[in-house]
Amino acid sequence: MPEDSMTGGGSALVCIIDDDAEVRGAVESLLRSADYRVLAFASPEEFLASGEAADAACLMLDVYLDGADGLEVQQTLRQRSITVPVVLMTGQGDIPMSVRAMKAGAADFLTKPFADDELLQAVGEAVALDERRRSERGEDDAVRALFAKLTPRERDVMALVTAGLMNKQVAAKLDLSEVTVKIHRGNLMRKMRAQSLADLVRMAEILGVRERTVTRYGTAG
């Protein structure tokens, strides 16, 4: 069972995976004193079975676990689309390992024994990263909800306009009049709440609907 320590309902949740009970207790105590909510686990299996991964703002993960490799656990999280920022901990760290960890997406890499302020800084940066990611995902969801309200023809126009085509080129592509394209373009700009073409291009990139095979100068190579 996880060791649950909660200080302040609105504080960020930090999870710890370390098979050393003494280390778990020390890290948990420090994080609790800094007003984080904390859940500590002795194994990756406990953490993954707990269902807390989606809520965690940071995962403190030991590299050398009993019967498990922390770097492989990190990869498992990515495969499951669990995007919690990971701060890896190890008592046997080396440069190649730290490079592997950072390439695999670790937010930081701490070598034991680490100072309290070093750990708190790493966790603070990971929590800030998590906040940014959650904010971006919320914005992405809002854009998808707006896009769902477009008509099929408005979506066609959006794909071509954001590829850089002028209205008359879009009209030729879709066999429409230029006036009709202008109407569709105005409607989709309003529905997507885009203030400019640049806004619309950014949204098209988020949605993955920007036409890649054409440009205003002809077919893309």
Protein backbone atom coordinates (compact mmCIF):
# COMPACT_ATOMS: atom_id res chain seq x y z
CA MET A 1 0.00 0.00 0.00
CA PRO A 2 1.24 3.55 -0.65
CA GLU A 3 2.25 5.77 2.19
CA ASP A 4 -0.09 8.77 1.87
CA SER A 5 0.92 12.17 3.20
CA MET A 6 -1.28 15.16 2.44
CA THR A 7 -0.63 18.75 3.41
CA GLY A 8 -3.09 21.19 1.94
CA GLY A 9 -5.72 19.91 -0.47
CA GLY A 10 -4.67 22.20 -3.31
CA SER A 11 -0.96 21.34 -3.31
CA ALA A 12 0.66 19.36 -6.13
CA LEU A 13 0.89 15.57 -5.87
CA VAL A 14 4.40 14.11 -5.97
CA CYS A 15 4.83 10.34 -6.20
CA ILE A 16 7.97 8.48 -5.12
CA ILE A 17 9.10 5.05 -6.30
CA ASP A 18 12.07 3.73 -4.33
CA ASP A 19 12.59 0.27 -2.87
CA ASP A 20 14.65 1.71 0.02
CA ALA A 21 12.20 2.48 2.83
CA GLU A 22 14.64 4.86 4.49
CA VAL A 23 15.06 6.93 1.32
CA ARG A 24 11.31 6.91 0.70
CA GLY A 25 10.67 8.17 4.19
CA ALA A 26 13.29 10.93 4.00
CA VAL A 27 12.18 12.22 0.61
CA GLU A 28 8.53 12.02 1.62
CA SER A 29 9.17 13.97 4.83
CA LEU A 30 11.07 16.70 2.98
CA LEU A 31 8.38 17.07 0.31
CA ARG A 32 5.64 17.10 2.93
CA SER A 33 7.44 19.90 4.76
CA ALA A 34 7.39 21.87 1.49
CA ASP A 35 3.58 21.50 1.35
CA TYR A 36 3.39 18.86 -1.38
CA ARG A 37 0.97 15.97 -1.28
CA VAL A 38 3.00 12.78 -1.35
CA LEU A 39 2.42 9.14 -2.23
CA ALA A 40 5.34 6.73 -1.81
CA PHE A 41 5.62 3.32 -3.42
CA ALA A 42 8.14 0.49 -3.06
CA SER A 43 7.74 -0.69 -6.67
CA PRO A 44 6.59 0.51 -10.11
CA GLU A 45 3.81 -2.10 -10.03
CA GLU A 46 2.32 -0.49 -6.92
CA PHE A 47 2.44 2.94 -8.53
CA LEU A 48 0.87 1.84 -11.82
CA ALA A 49 -1.83 -0.15 -10.01
CA SER A 50 -2.72 2.79 -7.77
CA GLY A 51 -4.30 4.86 -10.54
CA GLU A 52 -2.50 7.98 -9.29
CA ALA A 53 -0.32 8.48 -12.37
CA ALA A 54 -2.77 10.82 -14.09
CA ASP A 55 -2.96 13.11 -11.06
CA ALA A 56 0.76 13.22 -10.24
CA ALA A 57 2.58 16.46 -11.02
CA CYS A 58 6.00 14.84 -10.52
CA LEU A 59 7.38 11.32 -10.15
CA MET A 60 10.56 10.76 -8.13
CA LEU A 61 11.88 7.49 -9.58
CA ASP A 62 14.88 5.48 -8.41
CA VAL A 63 16.94 4.11 -11.29
CA TYR A 64 18.06 0.89 -9.57
CA LEU A 65 14.99 -0.84 -8.18
CA ASP A 66 14.72 -4.37 -6.87
CA GLY A 67 13.79 -6.39 -9.95
CA ALA A 68 13.21 -3.34 -12.13
CA ASP A 69 15.13 -0.76 -14.14
CA GLY A 70 13.99 2.83 -13.58
CA LEU A 71 14.82 3.78 -17.16
CA GLU A 72 12.58 0.95 -18.40
CA VAL A 73 9.84 2.17 -16.07
CA GLN A 74 10.23 5.61 -17.62
CA GLN A 75 9.79 4.05 -21.07
CA THR A 76 6.70 2.15 -19.89
CA LEU A 77 5.13 5.41 -18.75
CA ARG A 78 5.72 6.93 -22.19
CA GLN A 79 4.20 3.88 -23.90
CA ARG A 80 1.10 4.28 -21.75
CA SER A 81 0.92 8.00 -22.59
CA ILE A 82 1.54 8.91 -18.95
CA THR A 83 3.22 12.29 -19.24
CA VAL A 84 4.08 12.97 -15.60
CA PRO A 85 7.50 14.70 -15.40
CA VAL A 86 10.06 12.24 -14.00
CA VAL A 87 12.96 13.11 -11.71
CA LEU A 88 15.32 10.14 -11.67
CA MET A 89 17.35 9.31 -8.56
CA THR A 90 20.40 7.05 -8.32
CA GLY A 91 23.32 6.30 -6.07
CA GLN A 92 25.36 5.02 -9.02
CA GLY A 93 24.83 7.72 -11.60
CA ASP A 94 27.17 8.25 -14.51
CA ILE A 95 27.17 10.56 -17.50
CA PRO A 96 25.98 8.00 -20.11
CA MET A 97 23.06 7.04 -17.85
CA SER A 98 22.07 10.65 -17.30
CA VAL A 99 22.20 11.28 -21.05
CA ARG A 100 19.95 8.27 -21.66
CA ALA A 101 17.55 9.49 -19.00
CA MET A 102 17.29 13.01 -20.40
CA LYS A 103 16.87 11.73 -23.97
CA ALA A 104 14.04 9.53 -22.72
CA GLY A 105 12.31 12.61 -21.37
CA ALA A 106 13.38 12.85 -17.74
CA ALA A 107 12.85 16.29 -16.22
CA ASP A 108 15.98 15.95 -14.07
CA PHE A 109 18.54 13.44 -12.82
CA LEU A 110 19.76 13.48 -9.20
CA THR A 111 22.71 11.53 -7.82
CA LYS A 112 22.39 10.36 -4.21
CA PRO A 113 23.09 11.75 -1.73
CA PHE A 114 21.52 15.00 -2.89
CA ALA A 115 20.98 18.18 -0.93
CA ASP A 116 17.48 19.13 0.19
CA ASP A 117 17.45 22.31 -1.87
CA GLU A 118 18.64 20.38 -4.94
CA LEU A 119 15.74 17.96 -4.64
CA LEU A 120 13.19 20.71 -3.99
CA GLN A 121 14.41 22.70 -6.98
CA ALA A 122 14.13 19.64 -9.26
CA VAL A 123 10.62 18.87 -8.01
CA GLY A 124 9.55 22.51 -8.29
CA GLU A 125 10.70 22.67 -11.92
CA ALA A 126 8.96 19.36 -12.71
CA VAL A 127 5.70 20.58 -11.15
CA ALA A 128 5.92 23.83 -13.16
CA LEU A 129 6.47 21.76 -16.33
CA ASP A 130 3.41 19.66 -15.50
CA GLU A 131 1.30 22.79 -15.04
CA ARG A 132 2.37 24.09 -18.46
CA ARG A 133 1.60 20.74 -20.11
CA ARG A 134 -1.84 20.54 -18.51
CA SER A 135 -2.61 24.10 -19.60
CA GLU A 136 -1.56 23.31 -23.18
CA ARG A 137 -3.67 20.15 -23.22
CA GLY A 138 -6.65 22.18 -22.02
CA GLU A 139 -6.13 24.67 -24.85
CA ASP A 140 -5.80 21.83 -27.36
CA ASP A 141 -9.07 20.29 -26.17
CA ALA A 142 -10.81 23.65 -26.56
CA VAL A 143 -9.53 24.00 -30.13
CA ARG A 144 -10.77 20.48 -30.99
CA ALA A 145 -14.20 21.30 -29.57
CA LEU A 146 -14.44 24.40 -31.78
CA PHE A 147 -13.25 22.50 -34.85
CA ALA A 148 -15.96 19.88 -34.31
CA LYS A 149 -18.56 22.60 -34.94
CA LEU A 150 -17.26 23.43 -38.44
CA THR A 151 -19.07 22.15 -41.51
CA PRO A 152 -17.14 19.76 -43.79
CA ARG A 153 -16.69 22.55 -46.35
CA GLU A 154 -15.41 24.97 -43.70
CA ARG A 155 -12.86 22.34 -42.71
CA ASP A 156 -11.77 22.01 -46.33
CA VAL A 157 -11.31 25.76 -46.58
CA MET A 158 -9.40 25.87 -43.29
CA ALA A 159 -6.97 23.18 -44.46
CA LEU A 160 -6.16 25.08 -47.65
CA VAL A 161 -6.14 28.61 -46.24
CA THR A 162 -3.72 27.58 -43.48
CA ALA A 163 -1.49 26.02 -46.13
CA GLY A 164 -1.02 29.52 -47.51
CA LEU A 165 -3.40 29.43 -50.48
CA MET A 166 -5.15 32.62 -51.50
CA ASN A 167 -8.95 32.72 -51.69
CA LYS A 168 -8.99 32.38 -55.48
CA GLN A 169 -6.68 29.35 -55.27
CA VAL A 170 -8.90 27.74 -52.63
CA ALA A 171 -11.90 28.43 -54.85
CA ALA A 172 -10.23 26.69 -57.79
CA LYS A 173 -9.24 23.70 -55.65
CA LEU A 174 -12.74 23.23 -54.25
CA ASP A 175 -14.63 24.27 -57.40
CA LEU A 176 -16.31 27.14 -55.60
CA SER A 177 -16.68 30.83 -56.30
CA GLU A 178 -14.25 33.16 -54.59
CA VAL A 179 -17.17 34.88 -52.85
CA THR A 180 -18.29 31.54 -51.38
CA VAL A 181 -14.77 30.85 -50.13
CA LYS A 182 -14.69 34.26 -48.46
CA ILE A 183 -17.98 33.47 -46.70
CA HIS A 184 -16.72 30.07 -45.51
CA ARG A 185 -13.47 31.65 -44.39
CA GLY A 186 -15.25 34.34 -42.40
CA ASN A 187 -17.55 31.77 -40.78
CA LEU A 188 -14.73 29.43 -39.77
CA MET A 189 -12.63 32.29 -38.39
CA ARG A 190 -15.59 33.29 -36.23
CA LYS A 191 -16.38 29.73 -35.13
CA MET A 192 -12.71 29.01 -34.30
CA ARG A 193 -12.47 32.37 -32.50
CA ALA A 194 -9.32 33.14 -34.49
CA GLN A 195 -8.20 36.77 -34.41
CA SER A 196 -5.85 36.38 -37.37
CA LEU A 197 -4.63 33.94 -40.00
CA ALA A 198 -1.65 33.23 -37.74
CA ASP A 199 -4.07 32.12 -35.01
CA LEU A 200 -5.82 29.84 -37.46
CA VAL A 201 -2.51 28.33 -38.64
CA ARG A 202 -1.54 27.59 -35.03
CA MET A 203 -4.90 25.87 -34.48
CA ALA A 204 -4.51 23.86 -37.69
CA GLU A 205 -1.11 22.67 -36.46
CA ILE A 206 -2.64 21.55 -33.16
CA LEU A 207 -5.40 19.71 -35.01
CA GLY A 208 -3.11 18.27 -37.67
CA VAL A 209 -5.45 19.46 -40.44
CA ARG A 210 -3.16 21.82 -42.31
CA GLU A 211 -2.88 20.71 -45.95
CA ARG A 212 0.72 19.64 -46.60
CA THR A 213 0.56 18.69 -50.26
CA VAL A 214 -0.06 22.16 -51.68
CA THR A 215 1.25 25.71 -51.31
CA ARG A 216 0.19 28.96 -52.95
CA TYR A 217 3.07 28.36 -55.38
CA GLY A 218 1.95 24.89 -56.43
CA THR A 219 2.13 21.31 -55.25
CA ALA A 220 4.56 20.70 -52.39
CA GLY A 221 7.56 18.58 -53.17
